Amino acid sequence: MMDPNQMLKQMLDFNKSAFDNSFNAMLTIQEQNEKMFDTFMEQATWIPEEGKKLIQEWINAYKKAVRILRKPPMTTIRR
């Protein structure tokens, strides 16, 4: 029979791995979307500079939120 502590550790390791893989997949998709959007913005001469700055602020806010979102689960899992 497996030790309960070892079983709990294996479950936590699995959950950490699942979280990491899902989060990294989300980040990869976001990075690809950002590259595609940057290309679009470079070619969209009809969008005023103020609009481009606003969109860049949204992107920066999203990146900050992702960093904040990542911290609590990783802090809890490391304990």
Protein backbone atom coordinates (compact mmCIF):
# COMPACT_ATOMS: atom_id res chain seq x y z
CA MET A 1 0.00 0.00 0.00
CA MET A 2 1.21 3.48 -0.86
CA ASP A 3 2.13 5.94 1.86
CA PRO A 4 -0.57 8.66 2.12
CA ASN A 5 2.07 11.41 2.12
CA GLN A 6 3.64 10.06 -1.04
CA MET A 7 0.22 9.76 -2.68
CA LEU A 8 -0.59 13.38 -1.74
CA LYS A 9 2.77 14.53 -3.13
CA GLN A 10 2.10 12.71 -6.40
CA MET A 11 -1.34 14.33 -6.65
CA LEU A 12 0.13 17.77 -6.01
CA ASP A 13 2.89 17.17 -8.55
CA PHE A 14 0.31 16.10 -11.13
CA ASN A 15 -1.85 19.16 -10.46
CA LYS A 16 1.18 21.46 -10.67
CA SER A 17 2.20 19.87 -13.95
CA ALA A 18 -1.34 20.18 -15.35
CA PHE A 19 -1.51 23.84 -14.30
CA ASP A 20 1.92 24.61 -15.76
CA ASN A 21 1.12 22.93 -19.07
CA SER A 22 -2.27 24.64 -19.39
CA PHE A 23 -0.87 28.02 -18.42
CA ASN A 24 2.06 27.69 -20.81
CA ALA A 25 -0.30 26.71 -23.64
CA MET A 26 -2.39 29.79 -22.90
CA LEU A 27 0.73 31.98 -22.93
CA THR A 28 1.88 30.50 -26.23
CA ILE A 29 -1.47 31.21 -27.84
CA GLN A 30 -1.47 34.73 -26.41
CA GLU A 31 2.05 35.41 -27.73
CA GLN A 32 1.07 34.21 -31.20
CA ASN A 33 -2.05 36.37 -31.13
CA GLU A 34 0.01 39.35 -30.03
CA LYS A 35 2.48 38.87 -32.90
CA MET A 36 -0.39 38.59 -35.37
CA PHE A 37 -2.04 41.68 -33.90
CA ASP A 38 1.23 43.66 -34.01
CA THR A 39 1.55 42.85 -37.71
CA PHE A 40 -2.04 43.97 -38.25
CA MET A 41 -1.45 47.21 -36.34
CA GLU A 42 1.66 48.01 -38.38
CA GLN A 43 -0.35 47.65 -41.58
CA ALA A 44 -3.47 49.43 -40.32
CA THR A 45 -2.60 52.98 -41.29
CA TRP A 46 -6.22 54.03 -40.81
CA ILE A 47 -6.02 53.55 -37.00
CA PRO A 48 -4.92 56.78 -35.29
CA GLU A 49 -1.89 56.74 -33.01
CA GLU A 50 -4.08 57.39 -29.97
CA GLY A 51 -6.00 54.21 -30.74
CA LYS A 52 -2.81 52.23 -31.15
CA LYS A 53 -1.53 53.53 -27.80
CA LEU A 54 -4.82 52.59 -26.12
CA ILE A 55 -4.64 49.07 -27.55
CA GLN A 56 -1.02 48.74 -26.38
CA GLU A 57 -2.13 49.79 -22.89
CA TRP A 58 -4.76 47.02 -22.96
CA ILE A 59 -2.11 44.50 -23.97
CA ASN A 60 0.19 45.67 -21.17
CA ALA A 61 -2.67 45.44 -18.64
CA TYR A 62 -3.40 41.90 -19.83
CA LYS A 63 0.25 40.89 -19.42
CA LYS A 64 0.32 42.34 -15.90
CA ALA A 65 -2.87 40.47 -15.00
CA VAL A 66 -1.37 37.22 -16.29
CA ARG A 67 1.71 37.70 -14.10
CA ILE A 68 -0.52 38.40 -11.09
CA LEU A 69 -2.71 35.39 -11.90
CA ARG A 70 0.30 33.10 -12.06
CA LYS A 71 1.74 34.07 -8.67
CA PRO A 72 -0.85 32.72 -6.17
CA PRO A 73 -1.04 29.13 -7.51
CA MET A 74 2.74 28.87 -7.79
CA THR A 75 3.22 30.22 -4.26
CA THR A 76 0.72 27.72 -2.87
CA ILE A 77 2.12 24.79 -4.84
CA ARG A 78 5.72 25.47 -3.73
CA ARG A 79 4.77 25.15 -0.05
